[in-house]
């Protein structure tokens, strides 16, 4: 049964109420590109950041009273913030491990890991002199190498690893979203 089938049965007042509700922006579907903002930081969730310290405890809950489940020992490691609670951030690493970290142990500096899903395999990630597959190679990265990400656009990211700069395909690194652009 469609709305037009039951319309004759509805009173004018009910029809008016339905018209108001249907036009209400609060009930309109959210746009597909809507981004959730963190309740504390007002920054997008999820988002990538990096570890600031050489010793970062990840806990099972948002507070110092919760047990430590993981200890990160590499500053600059990229992680994804997936939730906020007060001054605590729930993070996810490239292997899918999650935990709560105090906000001051995180940095907004963007970093990436070269193809962590290929770690242990005999393959390398090409670093080009410009953002093109036919551009000269300036370096090759083993899977798992951490690099600084300067900017990303049109499927390429400019990175720096071990004092070498160049461009990698966005799909070859973890720490940036597909088709994400920033500078």
N, C-alpha and C. Protein backbone atom coordinates (compact mmCIF):
# COMPACT_ATOMS: atom_id res chain seq x y z
N UNK A 1 0.84 -1.17 0.00
CA UNK A 1 0.00 0.00 0.00
C UNK A 1 0.89 1.23 0.00
N UNK A 2 0.63 2.19 -0.87
CA UNK A 2 1.43 3.40 -0.96
C UNK A 2 0.75 4.53 -0.18
N UNK A 3 1.47 5.62 -0.03
CA UNK A 3 0.96 6.78 0.69
C UNK A 3 -0.31 7.31 0.01
N UNK A 4 -0.32 7.29 -1.34
CA UNK A 4 -1.49 7.79 -2.06
C UNK A 4 -2.72 6.90 -1.82
N UNK A 5 -2.50 5.64 -1.51
CA UNK A 5 -3.62 4.73 -1.22
C UNK A 5 -4.28 5.06 0.11
N UNK A 6 -3.53 5.49 1.08
CA UNK A 6 -4.13 5.76 2.39
C UNK A 6 -4.45 7.23 2.60
N UNK A 7 -4.03 8.09 1.68
CA UNK A 7 -4.25 9.52 1.84
C UNK A 7 -5.71 9.87 2.07
N UNK A 8 -6.66 9.31 1.34
CA UNK A 8 -8.06 9.68 1.59
C UNK A 8 -8.51 9.37 3.01
N UNK A 9 -7.88 8.45 3.69
CA UNK A 9 -8.28 8.06 5.03
C UNK A 9 -7.70 8.97 6.12
N UNK A 10 -6.69 9.75 5.79
CA UNK A 10 -6.03 10.58 6.80
C UNK A 10 -6.73 11.92 6.97
N UNK A 11 -6.73 12.41 8.17
CA UNK A 11 -7.32 13.73 8.42
C UNK A 11 -6.37 14.80 7.92
N UNK A 12 -6.91 16.01 7.72
CA UNK A 12 -6.08 17.11 7.24
C UNK A 12 -4.97 17.44 8.24
N UNK A 13 -5.24 17.37 9.51
CA UNK A 13 -4.24 17.67 10.54
C UNK A 13 -3.08 16.69 10.49
N UNK A 14 -3.41 15.42 10.33
CA UNK A 14 -2.37 14.41 10.24
C UNK A 14 -1.55 14.59 8.97
N UNK A 15 -2.20 14.93 7.87
CA UNK A 15 -1.48 15.20 6.63
C UNK A 15 -0.52 16.37 6.79
N UNK A 16 -0.95 17.41 7.47
CA UNK A 16 -0.10 18.58 7.69
C UNK A 16 1.11 18.20 8.55
N UNK A 17 0.87 17.38 9.58
CA UNK A 17 1.96 16.95 10.45
C UNK A 17 2.97 16.11 9.67
N UNK A 18 2.47 15.21 8.83
CA UNK A 18 3.36 14.39 8.01
C UNK A 18 4.17 15.25 7.03
N UNK A 19 3.57 16.27 6.47
CA UNK A 19 4.27 17.15 5.54
C UNK A 19 5.40 17.90 6.26
N UNK A 20 5.14 18.35 7.48
CA UNK A 20 6.17 19.05 8.27
C UNK A 20 7.31 18.10 8.60
N UNK A 21 6.97 16.89 9.03
CA UNK A 21 8.00 15.91 9.36
C UNK A 21 8.83 15.54 8.14
N UNK A 22 8.19 15.37 7.01
CA UNK A 22 8.91 14.98 5.80
C UNK A 22 9.87 16.07 5.35
N UNK A 23 9.53 17.33 5.61
CA UNK A 23 10.38 18.45 5.20
C UNK A 23 11.43 18.79 6.24
N UNK A 24 11.38 18.16 7.40
CA UNK A 24 12.30 18.48 8.48
C UNK A 24 13.72 18.05 8.15
N UNK A 25 14.70 18.99 8.23
CA UNK A 25 16.08 18.61 7.95
C UNK A 25 16.64 17.63 8.96
N UNK A 26 16.09 17.60 10.17
CA UNK A 26 16.59 16.67 11.19
C UNK A 26 16.33 15.23 10.78
N UNK A 27 15.31 15.01 9.97
CA UNK A 27 15.00 13.65 9.55
C UNK A 27 15.57 13.31 8.18
N UNK A 28 16.18 14.31 7.54
CA UNK A 28 16.76 14.05 6.23
C UNK A 28 17.96 13.13 6.38
N UNK A 29 18.19 12.24 5.42
CA UNK A 29 19.35 11.36 5.53
C UNK A 29 20.64 12.16 5.48
N UNK A 30 21.63 11.72 6.24
CA UNK A 30 22.93 12.39 6.27
C UNK A 30 23.62 12.19 4.93
N UNK A 31 24.37 13.19 4.48
CA UNK A 31 25.10 13.01 3.23
C UNK A 31 26.12 11.88 3.36
N UNK A 32 26.40 11.23 2.25
CA UNK A 32 27.31 10.07 2.27
C UNK A 32 28.70 10.44 2.77
N UNK A 33 29.13 11.68 2.55
CA UNK A 33 30.48 12.08 2.92
C UNK A 33 30.53 12.69 4.33
N UNK A 34 29.48 12.54 5.11
CA UNK A 34 29.48 13.09 6.45
C UNK A 34 30.59 12.46 7.28
N UNK A 35 31.28 13.29 8.05
CA UNK A 35 32.39 12.83 8.86
C UNK A 35 32.03 13.00 10.32
N UNK A 36 32.28 11.96 11.11
CA UNK A 36 32.06 12.05 12.54
C UNK A 36 33.20 12.84 13.15
N UNK A 37 32.87 13.74 14.08
CA UNK A 37 33.89 14.51 14.77
C UNK A 37 34.05 13.98 16.18
N UNK A 38 35.28 13.98 16.66
CA UNK A 38 35.55 13.55 18.02
C UNK A 38 34.86 14.48 19.01
N UNK A 39 34.25 13.94 20.07
CA UNK A 39 33.51 14.75 21.02
C UNK A 39 34.39 15.72 21.80
N UNK A 40 35.67 15.43 21.91
CA UNK A 40 36.59 16.28 22.67
C UNK A 40 37.40 17.17 21.74
N UNK A 41 38.08 16.56 20.78
CA UNK A 41 38.99 17.31 19.90
C UNK A 41 38.26 18.07 18.80
N UNK A 42 37.07 17.61 18.45
CA UNK A 42 36.31 18.14 17.31
C UNK A 42 37.05 17.90 15.98
N UNK A 43 37.96 16.93 15.98
CA UNK A 43 38.66 16.53 14.77
C UNK A 43 38.00 15.27 14.21
N UNK A 44 38.20 14.99 12.93
CA UNK A 44 37.53 13.82 12.31
C UNK A 44 37.91 12.50 12.97
N UNK A 45 36.95 11.61 13.02
CA UNK A 45 37.14 10.23 13.46
C UNK A 45 36.67 9.33 12.33
N UNK A 46 37.42 8.35 11.96
CA UNK A 46 38.79 8.07 12.39
C UNK A 46 39.76 9.05 11.71
N UNK A 47 41.00 9.09 12.22
CA UNK A 47 42.06 9.89 11.62
C UNK A 47 43.41 9.27 11.97
N UNK A 48 44.39 9.51 11.12
CA UNK A 48 45.74 9.01 11.38
C UNK A 48 46.57 10.05 12.11
N UNK A 49 47.38 9.57 13.04
CA UNK A 49 48.36 10.37 13.77
C UNK A 49 49.59 9.48 13.92
N UNK A 50 50.57 9.93 14.70
CA UNK A 50 51.74 9.10 14.95
C UNK A 50 52.08 9.14 16.44
N UNK A 51 52.85 8.16 16.86
CA UNK A 51 53.28 8.11 18.26
C UNK A 51 54.40 9.13 18.47
N UNK A 52 54.27 9.92 19.53
CA UNK A 52 55.24 10.97 19.81
C UNK A 52 56.43 10.46 20.60
N UNK A 53 56.21 9.50 21.44
CA UNK A 53 57.22 9.05 22.39
C UNK A 53 57.82 7.70 21.99
N UNK A 54 58.99 7.41 22.55
CA UNK A 54 59.61 6.11 22.29
C UNK A 54 59.09 5.03 23.24
N UNK A 55 58.18 5.42 24.12
CA UNK A 55 57.59 4.45 25.05
C UNK A 55 56.12 4.85 25.26
N UNK A 56 55.22 4.11 24.63
CA UNK A 56 53.79 4.42 24.70
C UNK A 56 53.03 3.18 25.16
N UNK A 57 52.32 3.32 26.27
CA UNK A 57 51.48 2.23 26.77
C UNK A 57 50.11 2.30 26.13
N UNK A 58 49.63 1.18 25.63
CA UNK A 58 48.25 1.06 25.16
C UNK A 58 47.51 0.25 26.23
N UNK A 59 46.39 0.77 26.69
CA UNK A 59 45.65 0.15 27.79
C UNK A 59 44.31 -0.38 27.30
N UNK A 60 43.69 -1.25 28.10
CA UNK A 60 42.41 -1.83 27.69
C UNK A 60 41.26 -0.86 27.90
N UNK A 61 41.48 0.23 28.61
CA UNK A 61 40.45 1.23 28.83
C UNK A 61 41.05 2.61 28.93
N UNK A 62 40.19 3.65 28.91
CA UNK A 62 40.67 5.03 28.91
C UNK A 62 41.01 5.56 30.30
N UNK A 63 42.13 5.13 30.85
CA UNK A 63 42.57 5.61 32.16
C UNK A 63 43.79 4.86 32.64
N UNK A 64 44.54 5.48 33.55
CA UNK A 64 45.76 4.85 34.06
C UNK A 64 45.48 3.64 34.94
N UNK A 65 44.25 3.49 35.40
CA UNK A 65 43.90 2.34 36.24
C UNK A 65 43.70 1.07 35.43
N UNK A 66 43.59 1.20 34.12
CA UNK A 66 43.41 0.02 33.27
C UNK A 66 44.76 -0.63 32.96
N UNK A 67 44.78 -1.95 32.85
CA UNK A 67 46.05 -2.64 32.56
C UNK A 67 46.59 -2.30 31.17
N UNK A 68 47.91 -2.34 31.05
CA UNK A 68 48.59 -2.13 29.77
C UNK A 68 48.52 -3.44 28.98
N UNK A 69 48.08 -3.34 27.74
CA UNK A 69 48.01 -4.53 26.89
C UNK A 69 49.12 -4.56 25.85
N UNK A 70 49.67 -3.39 25.55
CA UNK A 70 50.69 -3.31 24.52
C UNK A 70 51.63 -2.16 24.84
N UNK A 71 52.91 -2.34 24.58
CA UNK A 71 53.91 -1.29 24.76
C UNK A 71 54.55 -1.00 23.41
N UNK A 72 54.39 0.22 22.92
CA UNK A 72 55.00 0.64 21.66
C UNK A 72 56.33 1.31 21.96
N UNK A 73 57.37 0.94 21.23
CA UNK A 73 58.71 1.44 21.48
C UNK A 73 59.29 2.23 20.30
N UNK A 74 58.48 2.53 19.30
CA UNK A 74 58.98 3.21 18.11
C UNK A 74 58.27 4.56 17.92
N UNK A 75 58.98 5.67 18.21
CA UNK A 75 58.36 6.97 17.94
C UNK A 75 58.15 7.15 16.44
N UNK A 76 57.09 7.86 16.09
CA UNK A 76 56.79 8.09 14.67
C UNK A 76 55.93 7.01 14.05
N UNK A 77 55.63 5.96 14.77
CA UNK A 77 54.80 4.88 14.23
C UNK A 77 53.39 5.42 13.96
N UNK A 78 52.84 5.21 12.76
CA UNK A 78 51.49 5.69 12.50
C UNK A 78 50.45 4.82 13.20
N UNK A 79 49.42 5.47 13.71
CA UNK A 79 48.27 4.79 14.31
C UNK A 79 47.02 5.54 13.89
N UNK A 80 45.90 4.88 14.02
CA UNK A 80 44.62 5.48 13.65
C UNK A 80 43.81 5.70 14.91
N UNK A 81 43.37 6.94 15.14
CA UNK A 81 42.48 7.23 16.26
C UNK A 81 41.07 6.86 15.82
N UNK A 82 40.42 5.99 16.60
CA UNK A 82 39.09 5.54 16.23
C UNK A 82 38.02 5.96 17.24
N UNK A 83 38.45 6.47 18.40
CA UNK A 83 37.50 6.88 19.43
C UNK A 83 38.18 7.83 20.40
N UNK A 84 37.39 8.68 21.04
CA UNK A 84 37.90 9.60 22.05
C UNK A 84 37.08 9.47 23.32
N UNK A 85 37.74 9.63 24.46
CA UNK A 85 37.07 9.69 25.75
C UNK A 85 37.91 10.58 26.65
N UNK A 86 37.44 11.78 26.91
CA UNK A 86 38.22 12.72 27.69
C UNK A 86 39.57 12.96 27.03
N UNK A 87 40.65 12.78 27.79
CA UNK A 87 41.99 13.00 27.26
C UNK A 87 42.62 11.71 26.70
N UNK A 88 41.82 10.68 26.54
CA UNK A 88 42.30 9.39 26.04
C UNK A 88 41.82 9.17 24.61
N UNK A 89 42.66 8.50 23.82
CA UNK A 89 42.32 8.18 22.44
C UNK A 89 42.47 6.68 22.23
N UNK A 90 41.43 6.10 21.65
CA UNK A 90 41.50 4.68 21.29
C UNK A 90 42.15 4.61 19.92
N UNK A 91 43.22 3.83 19.84
CA UNK A 91 43.98 3.75 18.59
C UNK A 91 43.96 2.33 18.03
N UNK A 92 44.27 2.26 16.75
CA UNK A 92 44.44 0.97 16.06
C UNK A 92 45.75 1.06 15.28
N UNK A 93 46.56 0.00 15.38
CA UNK A 93 47.83 0.01 14.64
C UNK A 93 47.67 -0.74 13.31
N UNK A 94 48.75 -0.82 12.55
CA UNK A 94 48.69 -1.42 11.21
C UNK A 94 48.38 -2.91 11.24
N UNK A 95 48.56 -3.55 12.40
CA UNK A 95 48.26 -4.97 12.53
C UNK A 95 46.86 -5.22 13.08
N UNK A 96 46.13 -4.14 13.37
CA UNK A 96 44.76 -4.26 13.86
C UNK A 96 44.63 -4.26 15.38
N UNK A 97 45.76 -4.19 16.11
CA UNK A 97 45.70 -4.14 17.58
C UNK A 97 45.13 -2.79 18.01
N UNK A 98 44.28 -2.82 19.05
CA UNK A 98 43.66 -1.60 19.55
C UNK A 98 43.97 -1.41 21.02
N UNK A 99 43.97 -0.16 21.44
CA UNK A 99 44.19 0.17 22.84
C UNK A 99 43.97 1.65 23.07
N UNK A 100 43.94 2.04 24.33
CA UNK A 100 43.73 3.43 24.73
C UNK A 100 45.06 4.06 25.10
N UNK A 101 45.31 5.25 24.56
CA UNK A 101 46.57 5.97 24.76
C UNK A 101 46.24 7.39 25.21
N UNK A 102 47.05 7.91 26.13
CA UNK A 102 46.87 9.29 26.59
C UNK A 102 47.20 10.24 25.45
N UNK A 103 46.39 11.27 25.26
CA UNK A 103 46.47 12.15 24.09
C UNK A 103 47.84 12.79 23.89
N UNK A 104 48.55 13.13 24.96
CA UNK A 104 49.82 13.83 24.80
C UNK A 104 50.94 12.93 24.26
N UNK A 105 50.69 11.63 24.15
CA UNK A 105 51.67 10.72 23.58
C UNK A 105 51.51 10.56 22.07
N UNK A 106 50.57 11.32 21.51
CA UNK A 106 50.29 11.26 20.08
C UNK A 106 50.65 12.57 19.42
N UNK A 107 51.05 12.50 18.16
CA UNK A 107 51.44 13.67 17.39
C UNK A 107 50.59 13.76 16.13
N UNK A 108 50.32 14.98 15.70
CA UNK A 108 49.59 15.18 14.45
C UNK A 108 50.46 14.97 13.22
N UNK A 109 51.76 14.74 13.42
CA UNK A 109 52.65 14.51 12.28
C UNK A 109 52.24 13.22 11.56
N UNK A 110 52.10 13.31 10.24
CA UNK A 110 51.68 12.15 9.47
C UNK A 110 52.88 11.31 9.09
N UNK A 111 52.74 10.02 9.34
CA UNK A 111 53.76 9.05 8.97
C UNK A 111 53.06 7.87 8.31
N UNK A 112 53.85 6.97 7.76
CA UNK A 112 53.26 5.78 7.13
C UNK A 112 54.19 4.60 7.29
N UNK A 113 53.65 3.43 7.03
CA UNK A 113 54.43 2.19 7.00
C UNK A 113 54.32 1.63 5.59
N UNK A 114 55.46 1.31 5.01
CA UNK A 114 55.47 0.73 3.67
C UNK A 114 54.86 -0.67 3.73
N UNK A 115 53.78 -0.86 3.03
CA UNK A 115 53.10 -2.14 2.82
C UNK A 115 53.29 -3.16 3.94
N UNK A 116 52.79 -2.88 5.15
CA UNK A 116 52.98 -3.85 6.24
C UNK A 116 52.37 -5.21 5.94
N UNK A 117 51.40 -5.27 5.06
CA UNK A 117 50.76 -6.55 4.69
C UNK A 117 51.70 -7.43 3.86
N UNK A 118 52.83 -6.88 3.40
CA UNK A 118 53.81 -7.65 2.62
C UNK A 118 55.06 -7.99 3.43
N UNK A 119 55.06 -7.64 4.72
CA UNK A 119 56.23 -7.87 5.56
C UNK A 119 56.61 -9.35 5.52
N UNK A 120 57.90 -9.60 5.36
CA UNK A 120 58.40 -10.97 5.30
C UNK A 120 58.40 -11.56 3.91
N UNK A 121 57.90 -10.82 2.93
CA UNK A 121 57.89 -11.31 1.55
C UNK A 121 59.02 -10.64 0.78
N UNK A 122 59.50 -11.29 -0.22
CA UNK A 122 60.61 -10.77 -1.03
C UNK A 122 60.07 -9.76 -2.04
N UNK A 123 59.76 -8.58 -1.57
CA UNK A 123 59.25 -7.52 -2.45
C UNK A 123 59.69 -6.18 -1.90
N UNK A 124 59.69 -5.17 -2.73
CA UNK A 124 60.09 -3.83 -2.33
C UNK A 124 59.05 -2.84 -2.82
N UNK A 125 58.98 -1.68 -2.16
CA UNK A 125 58.08 -0.61 -2.55
C UNK A 125 58.91 0.47 -3.24
N UNK A 126 58.53 0.81 -4.47
CA UNK A 126 59.28 1.79 -5.25
C UNK A 126 58.98 3.21 -4.79
N UNK A 127 60.05 4.01 -4.68
CA UNK A 127 59.95 5.43 -4.38
C UNK A 127 60.45 6.16 -5.63
N UNK A 128 59.57 6.97 -6.22
CA UNK A 128 59.87 7.66 -7.48
C UNK A 128 60.26 9.11 -7.24
N UNK A 129 60.95 9.69 -8.21
CA UNK A 129 61.36 11.09 -8.13
C UNK A 129 60.23 12.06 -8.33
N UNK A 130 59.15 11.63 -8.94
CA UNK A 130 57.95 12.44 -9.12
C UNK A 130 56.75 11.49 -9.09
N UNK A 131 55.54 12.04 -8.96
CA UNK A 131 54.37 11.17 -8.82
C UNK A 131 53.89 10.54 -10.13
N UNK A 132 54.70 9.61 -10.64
CA UNK A 132 54.34 8.90 -11.87
C UNK A 132 55.07 7.57 -11.89
N UNK A 133 54.43 6.53 -12.39
CA UNK A 133 55.04 5.20 -12.43
C UNK A 133 56.28 5.15 -13.32
N UNK A 134 56.34 6.01 -14.34
CA UNK A 134 57.50 6.00 -15.23
C UNK A 134 58.59 6.98 -14.78
N UNK A 135 58.41 7.62 -13.64
CA UNK A 135 59.44 8.53 -13.10
C UNK A 135 60.61 7.71 -12.59
N UNK A 136 61.81 8.28 -12.60
CA UNK A 136 62.98 7.54 -12.11
C UNK A 136 62.83 7.13 -10.64
N UNK A 137 63.38 5.98 -10.31
CA UNK A 137 63.38 5.51 -8.93
C UNK A 137 64.47 6.24 -8.15
N UNK A 138 64.13 6.66 -6.91
CA UNK A 138 65.13 7.29 -6.05
C UNK A 138 65.46 6.40 -4.86
N UNK A 139 64.59 5.43 -4.60
CA UNK A 139 64.82 4.50 -3.49
C UNK A 139 63.83 3.36 -3.60
N UNK A 140 64.08 2.32 -2.80
CA UNK A 140 63.14 1.20 -2.66
C UNK A 140 63.05 0.91 -1.18
N UNK A 141 61.82 0.70 -0.70
CA UNK A 141 61.57 0.46 0.72
C UNK A 141 61.18 -0.99 0.96
N UNK A 142 61.72 -1.56 2.02
CA UNK A 142 61.25 -2.86 2.46
C UNK A 142 59.91 -2.68 3.13
N UNK A 143 59.01 -3.65 3.02
CA UNK A 143 57.75 -3.56 3.76
C UNK A 143 58.04 -3.42 5.26
N UNK A 144 57.30 -2.50 5.90
CA UNK A 144 57.47 -2.26 7.32
C UNK A 144 58.28 -1.02 7.65
N UNK A 145 58.93 -0.41 6.65
CA UNK A 145 59.72 0.80 6.89
C UNK A 145 58.77 1.97 7.17
N UNK A 146 59.09 2.74 8.22
CA UNK A 146 58.29 3.91 8.59
C UNK A 146 58.88 5.14 7.90
N UNK A 147 57.99 5.99 7.36
CA UNK A 147 58.43 7.22 6.70
C UNK A 147 57.53 8.37 7.10
N UNK A 148 58.03 9.59 6.96
CA UNK A 148 57.22 10.79 7.16
C UNK A 148 56.45 11.03 5.89
N UNK A 149 55.19 11.46 6.02
CA UNK A 149 54.37 11.77 4.85
C UNK A 149 54.21 13.29 4.78
N UNK A 150 54.72 13.88 3.71
CA UNK A 150 54.65 15.34 3.53
C UNK A 150 53.29 15.78 2.99
N UNK A 151 52.83 15.07 1.96
CA UNK A 151 51.55 15.40 1.34
C UNK A 151 51.07 14.24 0.49
N UNK A 152 49.77 14.23 0.22
CA UNK A 152 49.17 13.22 -0.65
C UNK A 152 48.18 13.90 -1.59
N UNK A 153 48.17 13.47 -2.84
CA UNK A 153 47.22 13.98 -3.83
C UNK A 153 47.21 13.03 -5.02
N UNK A 154 46.07 12.88 -5.60
CA UNK A 154 45.86 12.08 -6.82
C UNK A 154 46.51 10.70 -6.78
N UNK A 155 46.39 10.03 -5.63
CA UNK A 155 46.87 8.66 -5.52
C UNK A 155 48.35 8.51 -5.22
N UNK A 156 49.07 9.61 -4.98
CA UNK A 156 50.49 9.58 -4.67
C UNK A 156 50.76 10.34 -3.38
N UNK A 157 51.77 9.91 -2.63
CA UNK A 157 52.18 10.61 -1.41
C UNK A 157 53.66 10.91 -1.48
N UNK A 158 54.02 12.13 -1.09
CA UNK A 158 55.42 12.50 -0.98
C UNK A 158 55.89 12.10 0.41
N UNK A 159 56.95 11.32 0.46
CA UNK A 159 57.44 10.80 1.74
C UNK A 159 58.92 11.12 1.92
N UNK A 160 59.38 10.96 3.17
CA UNK A 160 60.80 11.03 3.49
C UNK A 160 61.12 9.85 4.38
N UNK A 161 62.12 9.08 3.96
CA UNK A 161 62.57 7.93 4.75
C UNK A 161 64.10 7.88 4.68
N UNK A 162 64.73 7.85 5.82
CA UNK A 162 66.20 7.78 5.89
C UNK A 162 66.86 8.87 5.04
N UNK A 163 66.37 10.10 5.18
CA UNK A 163 66.90 11.27 4.48
C UNK A 163 66.74 11.20 2.96
N UNK A 164 65.91 10.31 2.47
CA UNK A 164 65.60 10.24 1.04
C UNK A 164 64.16 10.67 0.85
N UNK A 165 63.93 11.49 -0.15
CA UNK A 165 62.58 11.97 -0.44
C UNK A 165 62.13 11.46 -1.79
N UNK A 166 60.82 11.25 -1.90
CA UNK A 166 60.26 10.82 -3.16
C UNK A 166 58.78 10.54 -3.02
N UNK A 167 58.23 9.90 -4.02
CA UNK A 167 56.79 9.64 -4.09
C UNK A 167 56.50 8.15 -4.16
N UNK A 168 55.49 7.74 -3.38
CA UNK A 168 55.01 6.36 -3.42
C UNK A 168 53.53 6.37 -3.76
N UNK A 169 53.09 5.27 -4.32
CA UNK A 169 51.66 5.16 -4.58
C UNK A 169 50.94 5.06 -3.24
N UNK A 170 49.86 5.76 -3.11
CA UNK A 170 49.10 5.80 -1.87
C UNK A 170 48.68 4.41 -1.42
N UNK A 171 48.41 3.54 -2.35
CA UNK A 171 47.96 2.19 -2.02
C UNK A 171 49.08 1.31 -1.47
N UNK A 172 50.33 1.78 -1.54
CA UNK A 172 51.47 1.00 -1.07
C UNK A 172 51.88 1.31 0.36
N UNK A 173 51.15 2.20 1.02
CA UNK A 173 51.51 2.56 2.39
C UNK A 173 50.29 2.50 3.30
N UNK A 174 50.54 2.29 4.60
CA UNK A 174 49.49 2.32 5.62
C UNK A 174 49.74 3.56 6.46
N UNK A 175 48.70 4.37 6.63
CA UNK A 175 48.82 5.61 7.40
C UNK A 175 48.13 6.77 6.70
N UNK A 176 47.58 6.49 5.53
CA UNK A 176 46.77 7.45 4.79
C UNK A 176 45.55 6.72 4.24
N UNK A 177 44.47 7.44 4.09
CA UNK A 177 43.25 6.82 3.57
C UNK A 177 43.28 6.83 2.04
N UNK A 178 42.57 5.88 1.42
CA UNK A 178 42.50 5.86 -0.05
C UNK A 178 41.93 7.19 -0.55
N UNK A 179 42.58 7.74 -1.53
CA UNK A 179 42.16 9.01 -2.16
C UNK A 179 42.18 10.20 -1.22
N UNK A 180 42.83 10.08 -0.05
CA UNK A 180 42.96 11.23 0.85
C UNK A 180 43.94 12.23 0.26
N UNK A 181 43.61 13.51 0.35
CA UNK A 181 44.50 14.57 -0.11
C UNK A 181 44.79 15.52 1.03
N UNK A 182 46.04 15.88 1.21
CA UNK A 182 46.43 16.89 2.20
C UNK A 182 47.82 17.39 1.84
N UNK A 183 48.14 18.57 2.35
CA UNK A 183 49.50 19.11 2.19
C UNK A 183 49.94 19.84 3.42
